[in-house]
């Protein structure tokens, strides 16, 4: 059975694994596979994988705040641990952004499920803002690849005078 892992260059490879929980084994196939497709749970070496409120730093402590583990509130995946990059070579500004609030920022938007697993919604910079609406490129791709005549696809925004992006 395939196992889903997730990671970045800044995490020296995988930082989460889609562990299959015992409670999932009796679920209908579609529901079980949807849970298995999540990015999963942090490895022992990742120590602390969380989903935090986007662009939020506590005004006093300077730390980030977790989203609710409800599978609906969208935040950014962050992590700490001994497999995380300390920073970017000769780029103090990028390193400061990477470690804002004392956690390593992924740039990936996700929800934190009640069971503690993480499910990516999209890459923050890939969100299409069209006429004030936020459109997940990943969600559109997920629908399109379900068509039997579509093998692969990629959704990208283009500039639009009226809507900003389309």
N, C-alpha and C. Protein backbone atom coordinates (compact mmCIF):
# COMPACT_ATOMS: atom_id res chain seq x y z
N UNK A 1 0.85 -1.17 0.00
CA UNK A 1 0.00 0.00 0.00
C UNK A 1 0.89 1.24 0.00
N UNK A 2 0.62 2.20 -0.89
CA UNK A 2 1.45 3.41 -0.93
C UNK A 2 1.33 4.23 0.35
N UNK A 3 2.42 4.93 0.65
CA UNK A 3 2.45 5.80 1.82
C UNK A 3 2.83 7.19 1.35
N UNK A 4 2.07 8.19 1.77
CA UNK A 4 2.29 9.57 1.36
C UNK A 4 3.28 10.23 2.31
N UNK A 5 4.29 10.92 1.75
CA UNK A 5 5.21 11.72 2.56
C UNK A 5 5.22 13.14 1.98
N UNK A 6 5.68 14.08 2.78
CA UNK A 6 5.72 15.48 2.39
C UNK A 6 6.99 16.10 2.95
N UNK A 7 7.62 16.93 2.16
CA UNK A 7 8.80 17.62 2.63
C UNK A 7 9.21 18.70 1.66
N UNK A 8 10.27 19.40 2.01
CA UNK A 8 10.79 20.51 1.23
C UNK A 8 12.31 20.42 1.21
N UNK A 9 12.92 21.17 0.34
CA UNK A 9 14.37 21.26 0.37
C UNK A 9 14.84 21.73 1.74
N UNK A 10 14.07 22.67 2.34
CA UNK A 10 14.44 23.23 3.65
C UNK A 10 14.28 22.23 4.79
N UNK A 11 13.67 21.08 4.53
CA UNK A 11 13.55 20.06 5.57
C UNK A 11 14.40 18.84 5.28
N UNK A 12 15.31 18.97 4.33
CA UNK A 12 16.20 17.87 3.99
C UNK A 12 15.40 16.60 3.69
N UNK A 13 14.38 16.77 2.89
CA UNK A 13 13.54 15.64 2.49
C UNK A 13 12.24 15.59 3.28
N UNK A 14 11.64 14.40 3.39
CA UNK A 14 10.32 14.28 4.04
C UNK A 14 10.33 14.73 5.49
N UNK A 15 9.25 15.42 5.87
CA UNK A 15 9.09 15.84 7.27
C UNK A 15 7.80 15.30 7.85
N UNK A 16 6.88 14.83 6.99
CA UNK A 16 5.65 14.16 7.46
C UNK A 16 5.47 12.85 6.71
N UNK A 17 4.66 11.99 7.31
CA UNK A 17 4.33 10.70 6.70
C UNK A 17 2.85 10.46 6.92
N UNK A 18 2.19 9.93 5.91
CA UNK A 18 0.77 9.62 6.00
C UNK A 18 0.53 8.29 6.69
N UNK A 19 0.75 8.25 7.99
CA UNK A 19 0.51 7.02 8.75
C UNK A 19 -0.97 6.65 8.63
N UNK A 20 -1.25 5.39 8.47
CA UNK A 20 -2.64 4.93 8.35
C UNK A 20 -3.14 4.56 9.74
N UNK A 21 -4.15 5.28 10.19
CA UNK A 21 -4.70 5.03 11.52
C UNK A 21 -5.60 3.80 11.49
N UNK A 22 -5.62 3.05 12.59
CA UNK A 22 -6.46 1.85 12.67
C UNK A 22 -7.92 2.15 12.38
N UNK A 23 -8.40 3.31 12.83
CA UNK A 23 -9.80 3.66 12.63
C UNK A 23 -10.16 3.86 11.15
N UNK A 24 -9.17 4.04 10.28
CA UNK A 24 -9.42 4.25 8.86
C UNK A 24 -9.63 2.94 8.11
N UNK A 25 -9.16 1.83 8.67
CA UNK A 25 -9.15 0.56 7.95
C UNK A 25 -10.55 0.06 7.58
N UNK A 26 -11.56 0.44 8.33
CA UNK A 26 -12.92 -0.04 8.07
C UNK A 26 -13.76 0.98 7.30
N UNK A 27 -13.18 2.10 6.93
CA UNK A 27 -13.92 3.13 6.21
C UNK A 27 -14.17 2.70 4.76
N UNK A 28 -15.20 3.25 4.13
CA UNK A 28 -15.39 3.02 2.69
C UNK A 28 -14.14 3.47 1.93
N UNK A 29 -13.84 2.81 0.82
CA UNK A 29 -12.59 3.04 0.09
C UNK A 29 -12.36 4.51 -0.23
N UNK A 30 -13.35 5.20 -0.75
CA UNK A 30 -13.17 6.61 -1.16
C UNK A 30 -12.77 7.47 0.03
N UNK A 31 -13.42 7.27 1.17
CA UNK A 31 -13.12 8.05 2.37
C UNK A 31 -11.73 7.69 2.92
N UNK A 32 -11.41 6.40 2.92
CA UNK A 32 -10.10 5.95 3.41
C UNK A 32 -8.97 6.53 2.54
N UNK A 33 -9.13 6.47 1.21
CA UNK A 33 -8.08 6.97 0.33
C UNK A 33 -7.94 8.48 0.42
N UNK A 34 -9.02 9.18 0.66
CA UNK A 34 -8.94 10.64 0.85
C UNK A 34 -8.11 10.96 2.09
N UNK A 35 -8.29 10.19 3.16
CA UNK A 35 -7.49 10.40 4.37
C UNK A 35 -6.03 10.03 4.14
N UNK A 36 -5.81 8.96 3.37
CA UNK A 36 -4.44 8.51 3.08
C UNK A 36 -3.69 9.53 2.20
N UNK A 37 -4.42 10.33 1.44
CA UNK A 37 -3.79 11.31 0.56
C UNK A 37 -3.32 12.56 1.29
N UNK A 38 -3.67 12.66 2.56
CA UNK A 38 -3.20 13.81 3.35
C UNK A 38 -1.70 13.75 3.51
N UNK A 39 -1.12 14.89 3.87
CA UNK A 39 0.33 14.94 4.05
C UNK A 39 0.75 14.24 5.33
N UNK A 40 -0.18 14.01 6.23
CA UNK A 40 0.09 13.14 7.37
C UNK A 40 0.53 13.83 8.64
N UNK A 41 1.40 13.13 9.35
CA UNK A 41 1.84 13.50 10.70
C UNK A 41 3.35 13.68 10.69
N UNK A 42 3.85 14.50 11.61
CA UNK A 42 5.29 14.74 11.68
C UNK A 42 6.09 13.51 12.06
N UNK A 43 7.29 13.39 11.49
CA UNK A 43 8.25 12.36 11.88
C UNK A 43 8.80 12.69 13.27
N UNK A 44 9.44 11.72 13.87
CA UNK A 44 10.10 11.95 15.16
C UNK A 44 11.16 13.04 15.00
N UNK A 45 11.89 13.04 13.89
CA UNK A 45 12.95 14.02 13.68
C UNK A 45 12.41 15.42 13.41
N UNK A 46 11.15 15.52 13.00
CA UNK A 46 10.60 16.85 12.73
C UNK A 46 10.17 17.54 14.02
N UNK A 47 9.99 16.79 15.09
CA UNK A 47 9.65 17.29 16.41
C UNK A 47 8.33 18.03 16.48
N UNK A 48 8.12 19.00 15.61
CA UNK A 48 6.97 19.87 15.77
C UNK A 48 6.47 20.35 14.41
N UNK A 49 5.46 19.68 13.88
CA UNK A 49 4.83 20.11 12.63
C UNK A 49 3.47 20.66 13.01
N UNK A 50 3.19 21.89 12.58
CA UNK A 50 1.95 22.56 12.96
C UNK A 50 1.35 23.29 11.76
N UNK A 51 0.11 23.70 11.92
CA UNK A 51 -0.52 24.60 10.96
C UNK A 51 -0.89 25.85 11.74
N UNK A 52 -0.38 26.99 11.28
CA UNK A 52 -0.55 28.23 12.04
C UNK A 52 -1.29 29.27 11.20
N UNK A 53 -1.85 30.25 11.91
CA UNK A 53 -2.57 31.33 11.23
C UNK A 53 -1.61 32.08 10.33
N UNK A 54 -2.05 32.35 9.11
CA UNK A 54 -1.21 33.03 8.13
C UNK A 54 -0.92 34.46 8.55
N UNK A 55 0.31 34.87 8.33
CA UNK A 55 0.73 36.25 8.57
C UNK A 55 0.39 36.74 9.97
N UNK A 56 0.47 35.83 10.97
CA UNK A 56 0.16 36.21 12.34
C UNK A 56 1.40 36.03 13.20
N UNK A 57 1.84 37.09 13.82
CA UNK A 57 2.87 37.03 14.86
C UNK A 57 2.30 37.73 16.07
N UNK A 58 2.35 37.06 17.22
CA UNK A 58 1.82 37.64 18.45
C UNK A 58 2.56 38.95 18.74
N UNK A 59 1.81 40.03 19.02
CA UNK A 59 2.46 41.33 19.19
C UNK A 59 3.43 41.41 20.36
N UNK A 60 3.25 40.56 21.37
CA UNK A 60 4.13 40.61 22.54
C UNK A 60 5.22 39.56 22.46
N UNK A 61 4.84 38.29 22.24
CA UNK A 61 5.82 37.21 22.24
C UNK A 61 6.53 37.03 20.90
N UNK A 62 5.89 37.51 19.81
CA UNK A 62 6.48 37.33 18.49
C UNK A 62 6.32 35.92 17.95
N UNK A 63 5.49 35.11 18.60
CA UNK A 63 5.28 33.73 18.16
C UNK A 63 4.02 33.60 17.31
N UNK A 64 3.93 32.47 16.62
CA UNK A 64 2.79 32.19 15.76
C UNK A 64 1.70 31.48 16.56
N UNK A 65 0.47 31.51 16.04
CA UNK A 65 -0.68 30.89 16.71
C UNK A 65 -1.25 29.80 15.82
N UNK A 66 -1.53 28.65 16.42
CA UNK A 66 -2.09 27.51 15.68
C UNK A 66 -3.50 27.79 15.20
N UNK A 67 -3.87 27.18 14.06
CA UNK A 67 -5.26 27.17 13.63
C UNK A 67 -5.96 26.07 14.43
N UNK A 68 -7.27 26.06 14.37
CA UNK A 68 -8.04 25.00 15.04
C UNK A 68 -7.84 23.68 14.30
N UNK A 69 -7.81 22.58 15.05
CA UNK A 69 -7.73 21.25 14.43
C UNK A 69 -9.14 20.81 14.06
N UNK A 70 -9.72 21.53 13.08
CA UNK A 70 -11.10 21.26 12.70
C UNK A 70 -11.27 20.88 11.24
N UNK A 71 -10.16 20.85 10.49
CA UNK A 71 -10.22 20.47 9.08
C UNK A 71 -10.82 21.53 8.18
N UNK A 72 -11.06 22.74 8.72
CA UNK A 72 -11.64 23.80 7.89
C UNK A 72 -10.84 25.09 7.91
N UNK A 73 -10.27 25.45 9.05
CA UNK A 73 -9.51 26.71 9.13
C UNK A 73 -8.17 26.54 8.41
N UNK A 74 -7.93 27.40 7.43
CA UNK A 74 -6.72 27.31 6.62
C UNK A 74 -5.60 28.11 7.25
N UNK A 75 -4.43 27.51 7.29
CA UNK A 75 -3.23 28.17 7.80
C UNK A 75 -2.02 27.72 7.01
N UNK A 76 -0.84 28.03 7.52
CA UNK A 76 0.41 27.66 6.86
C UNK A 76 1.11 26.56 7.65
N UNK A 77 1.67 25.59 6.94
CA UNK A 77 2.44 24.52 7.58
C UNK A 77 3.79 25.10 8.02
N UNK A 78 4.12 24.89 9.29
CA UNK A 78 5.41 25.30 9.84
C UNK A 78 5.99 24.11 10.60
N UNK A 79 7.29 24.17 10.86
CA UNK A 79 7.93 23.05 11.55
C UNK A 79 9.21 23.50 12.23
N UNK A 80 9.65 22.68 13.16
CA UNK A 80 10.96 22.82 13.77
C UNK A 80 11.54 21.41 13.86
N UNK A 81 12.81 21.33 14.09
CA UNK A 81 13.43 20.02 14.25
C UNK A 81 14.85 20.01 13.72
N UNK A 82 15.51 18.90 13.94
CA UNK A 82 16.92 18.82 13.58
C UNK A 82 17.16 18.54 12.10
N UNK A 83 16.09 18.47 11.29
CA UNK A 83 16.29 18.30 9.85
C UNK A 83 15.82 19.55 9.07
N UNK A 84 15.66 20.66 9.78
CA UNK A 84 15.24 21.91 9.14
C UNK A 84 16.46 22.78 8.84
N UNK A 85 16.40 23.46 7.70
CA UNK A 85 17.46 24.39 7.33
C UNK A 85 17.58 25.50 8.37
N UNK A 86 18.79 25.92 8.66
CA UNK A 86 19.00 27.04 9.58
C UNK A 86 18.75 28.36 8.88
N UNK A 87 18.87 28.37 7.56
CA UNK A 87 18.67 29.61 6.82
C UNK A 87 19.17 29.49 5.41
N UNK A 88 19.17 30.61 4.72
CA UNK A 88 19.64 30.68 3.34
C UNK A 88 21.01 31.32 3.29
N UNK A 89 21.89 30.75 2.52
CA UNK A 89 23.27 31.20 2.41
C UNK A 89 23.34 32.66 1.98
N UNK A 90 23.99 33.47 2.78
CA UNK A 90 24.22 34.89 2.50
C UNK A 90 22.94 35.67 2.21
N UNK A 91 21.83 35.29 2.83
CA UNK A 91 20.57 36.01 2.62
C UNK A 91 19.83 36.14 3.95
N UNK A 92 20.25 37.13 4.71
CA UNK A 92 19.67 37.33 6.05
C UNK A 92 18.18 37.68 5.98
N UNK A 93 17.76 38.41 4.97
CA UNK A 93 16.36 38.80 4.83
C UNK A 93 15.47 37.57 4.61
N UNK A 94 15.86 36.70 3.69
CA UNK A 94 15.08 35.49 3.42
C UNK A 94 15.10 34.56 4.63
N UNK A 95 16.24 34.47 5.32
CA UNK A 95 16.33 33.64 6.52
C UNK A 95 15.40 34.16 7.61
N UNK A 96 15.32 35.47 7.76
CA UNK A 96 14.43 36.07 8.75
C UNK A 96 12.97 35.72 8.46
N UNK A 97 12.57 35.76 7.19
CA UNK A 97 11.20 35.40 6.80
C UNK A 97 10.97 33.91 7.01
N UNK A 98 11.96 33.09 6.68
CA UNK A 98 11.85 31.63 6.84
C UNK A 98 11.59 31.26 8.28
N UNK A 99 12.23 31.94 9.23
CA UNK A 99 12.14 31.60 10.65
C UNK A 99 11.31 32.60 11.47
N UNK A 100 10.43 33.35 10.84
CA UNK A 100 9.58 34.29 11.58
C UNK A 100 8.79 33.56 12.66
N UNK A 101 8.81 34.08 13.86
CA UNK A 101 8.09 33.47 14.97
C UNK A 101 8.76 32.23 15.53
N UNK A 102 9.99 31.96 15.14
CA UNK A 102 10.74 30.83 15.69
C UNK A 102 10.38 29.49 15.07
N UNK A 103 9.67 29.50 13.93
CA UNK A 103 9.33 28.26 13.23
C UNK A 103 9.71 28.41 11.76
N UNK A 104 9.98 27.29 11.11
CA UNK A 104 10.35 27.26 9.71
C UNK A 104 9.08 27.27 8.87
N UNK A 105 8.91 28.30 8.04
CA UNK A 105 7.69 28.47 7.24
C UNK A 105 7.80 27.75 5.90
N UNK A 106 6.77 26.99 5.54
CA UNK A 106 6.77 26.24 4.29
C UNK A 106 6.22 27.02 3.11
N UNK A 107 5.29 27.94 3.37
CA UNK A 107 4.58 28.61 2.29
C UNK A 107 3.39 27.81 1.79
N UNK A 108 3.19 26.61 2.34
CA UNK A 108 2.07 25.76 1.94
C UNK A 108 0.87 26.00 2.84
N UNK A 109 -0.30 26.17 2.23
CA UNK A 109 -1.53 26.37 2.97
C UNK A 109 -2.19 25.02 3.22
N UNK A 110 -2.70 24.83 4.43
CA UNK A 110 -3.26 23.53 4.80
C UNK A 110 -4.32 23.70 5.87
N UNK A 111 -5.03 22.61 6.11
CA UNK A 111 -5.93 22.52 7.26
C UNK A 111 -5.36 21.44 8.17
N UNK A 112 -5.66 21.58 9.45
CA UNK A 112 -5.22 20.62 10.45
C UNK A 112 -6.45 19.82 10.84
N UNK A 113 -6.43 18.55 10.53
CA UNK A 113 -7.59 17.69 10.77
C UNK A 113 -7.72 17.36 12.26
N UNK A 114 -8.92 16.99 12.72
CA UNK A 114 -9.11 16.65 14.13
C UNK A 114 -8.21 15.51 14.61
N UNK A 115 -7.84 14.59 13.71
CA UNK A 115 -6.96 13.48 14.12
C UNK A 115 -5.49 13.88 14.18
N UNK A 116 -5.19 15.15 13.85
CA UNK A 116 -3.82 15.64 13.92
C UNK A 116 -3.08 15.61 12.60
N UNK A 117 -3.67 15.02 11.57
CA UNK A 117 -3.00 14.99 10.27
C UNK A 117 -3.19 16.32 9.55
N UNK A 118 -2.33 16.55 8.57
CA UNK A 118 -2.32 17.79 7.82
C UNK A 118 -2.72 17.51 6.37
N UNK A 119 -3.54 18.39 5.82
CA UNK A 119 -3.98 18.27 4.42
C UNK A 119 -3.70 19.59 3.71
N UNK A 120 -2.84 19.54 2.69
CA UNK A 120 -2.50 20.73 1.94
C UNK A 120 -3.68 21.18 1.10
N UNK A 121 -3.93 22.48 1.13
CA UNK A 121 -4.97 23.10 0.31
C UNK A 121 -4.33 23.68 -0.96
N UNK A 122 -3.19 24.32 -0.83
CA UNK A 122 -2.49 24.89 -1.98
C UNK A 122 -1.19 25.52 -1.49
N UNK A 123 -0.38 25.91 -2.42
CA UNK A 123 0.82 26.70 -2.13
C UNK A 123 0.36 28.15 -2.02
N UNK A 124 0.77 28.85 -0.99
CA UNK A 124 0.30 30.21 -0.77
C UNK A 124 0.45 31.11 -1.97
N UNK A 125 1.59 31.03 -2.64
CA UNK A 125 1.82 31.91 -3.79
C UNK A 125 1.07 31.47 -5.04
N UNK A 126 0.43 30.28 -5.00
CA UNK A 126 -0.33 29.79 -6.15
C UNK A 126 -1.82 30.10 -6.08
N UNK A 127 -2.27 30.69 -4.97
CA UNK A 127 -3.68 31.07 -4.86
C UNK A 127 -3.99 32.12 -5.92
N UNK A 128 -5.05 31.92 -6.66
CA UNK A 128 -5.46 32.85 -7.70
C UNK A 128 -6.50 33.79 -7.09
N UNK A 129 -6.23 35.08 -7.15
CA UNK A 129 -7.16 36.07 -6.61
C UNK A 129 -7.84 36.74 -7.79
N UNK A 130 -9.11 36.39 -7.99
CA UNK A 130 -9.85 36.86 -9.15
C UNK A 130 -11.13 37.56 -8.70
N UNK A 131 -11.15 38.87 -8.90
CA UNK A 131 -12.34 39.62 -8.52
C UNK A 131 -12.64 39.55 -7.04
N UNK A 132 -11.63 39.43 -6.21
CA UNK A 132 -11.82 39.36 -4.77
C UNK A 132 -12.02 37.94 -4.25
N UNK A 133 -12.12 36.96 -5.13
CA UNK A 133 -12.28 35.56 -4.72
C UNK A 133 -10.92 34.88 -4.70
N UNK A 134 -10.69 34.05 -3.68
CA UNK A 134 -9.47 33.24 -3.62
C UNK A 134 -9.78 31.88 -4.22
N UNK A 135 -9.05 31.50 -5.25
CA UNK A 135 -9.28 30.25 -5.95
C UNK A 135 -8.04 29.38 -5.79
N UNK A 136 -8.22 28.18 -5.28
CA UNK A 136 -7.12 27.25 -5.10
C UNK A 136 -6.81 26.57 -6.42
N UNK A 137 -5.58 26.78 -6.91
CA UNK A 137 -5.18 26.11 -8.15
C UNK A 137 -5.19 24.60 -7.97
N UNK A 138 -4.81 24.13 -6.79
CA UNK A 138 -4.80 22.70 -6.50
C UNK A 138 -6.21 22.11 -6.54
N UNK A 139 -7.19 22.84 -6.02
CA UNK A 139 -8.58 22.35 -6.04
C UNK A 139 -9.10 22.22 -7.47
N UNK A 140 -8.78 23.20 -8.32
CA UNK A 140 -9.22 23.13 -9.72
C UNK A 140 -8.53 21.96 -10.42
N UNK A 141 -7.23 21.79 -10.19
CA UNK A 141 -6.50 20.67 -10.78
C UNK A 141 -7.09 19.34 -10.34
N UNK A 142 -7.45 19.24 -9.07
CA UNK A 142 -8.00 17.99 -8.53
C UNK A 142 -9.30 17.60 -9.22
N UNK A 143 -10.10 18.58 -9.57
CA UNK A 143 -11.36 18.30 -10.29
C UNK A 143 -11.06 17.90 -11.73
N UNK A 144 -10.18 18.63 -12.39
CA UNK A 144 -9.90 18.35 -13.80
C UNK A 144 -9.30 16.97 -14.04
N UNK A 145 -8.40 16.53 -13.17
CA UNK A 145 -7.74 15.24 -13.39
C UNK A 145 -8.68 14.06 -13.15
N UNK A 146 -9.87 14.30 -12.63
CA UNK A 146 -10.84 13.22 -12.47
C UNK A 146 -11.52 12.87 -13.80
N UNK A 147 -11.42 13.76 -14.79
CA UNK A 147 -12.00 13.48 -16.10
C UNK A 147 -11.16 12.40 -16.79
N UNK A 148 -11.82 11.40 -17.39
CA UNK A 148 -11.07 10.29 -17.99
C UNK A 148 -10.14 10.69 -19.13
N UNK A 149 -10.35 11.83 -19.74
CA UNK A 149 -9.51 12.25 -20.86
C UNK A 149 -8.39 13.19 -20.44
N UNK A 150 -8.27 13.44 -19.13
CA UNK A 150 -7.20 14.31 -18.62
C UNK A 150 -6.22 13.46 -17.83
N UNK A 151 -4.97 13.43 -18.29
CA UNK A 151 -3.95 12.67 -17.59
C UNK A 151 -3.27 13.53 -16.52
N UNK A 152 -2.86 14.73 -16.91
CA UNK A 152 -2.21 15.66 -16.00
C UNK A 152 -2.63 17.08 -16.35
N UNK A 153 -2.53 17.97 -15.39
CA UNK A 153 -2.84 19.37 -15.68
C UNK A 153 -2.13 20.26 -14.67
N UNK A 154 -2.02 21.52 -15.02
CA UNK A 154 -1.47 22.53 -14.11
C UNK A 154 -2.26 23.82 -14.33
N UNK A 155 -2.67 24.43 -13.25
CA UNK A 155 -3.43 25.66 -13.30
C UNK A 155 -2.51 26.80 -12.87
N UNK A 156 -2.45 27.84 -13.69
CA UNK A 156 -1.67 29.03 -13.35
C UNK A 156 -2.51 30.26 -13.62
N UNK A 157 -2.29 31.29 -12.85
CA UNK A 157 -3.03 32.54 -13.03
C UNK A 157 -2.37 33.38 -14.12
N UNK A 158 -3.21 34.13 -14.83
CA UNK A 158 -2.69 35.14 -15.75
C UNK A 158 -3.33 36.47 -15.36
N UNK A 159 -2.63 37.53 -15.65
CA UNK A 159 -3.14 38.86 -15.31
C UNK A 159 -4.41 39.17 -16.09
N UNK A 160 -5.31 39.88 -15.42
CA UNK A 160 -6.56 40.29 -16.05
C UNK A 160 -6.87 41.71 -15.60
N UNK A 161 -7.15 42.59 -16.54
CA UNK A 161 -7.41 44.00 -16.20
C UNK A 161 -8.63 44.17 -15.30
N UNK A 162 -9.67 43.41 -15.55
CA UNK A 162 -10.92 43.55 -14.78
C UNK A 162 -10.86 42.82 -13.43
N UNK A 163 -10.35 41.59 -13.41
CA UNK A 163 -10.43 40.76 -12.20
C UNK A 163 -9.11 40.65 -11.43
N UNK A 164 -8.03 41.19 -11.96
CA UNK A 164 -6.74 41.06 -11.30
C UNK A 164 -6.00 39.84 -11.81
N UNK A 165 -6.62 38.67 -11.64
CA UNK A 165 -6.08 37.42 -12.17
C UNK A 165 -7.26 36.59 -12.66
N UNK A 166 -6.96 35.69 -13.59
CA UNK A 166 -7.96 34.72 -13.99
C UNK A 166 -7.27 33.44 -14.36
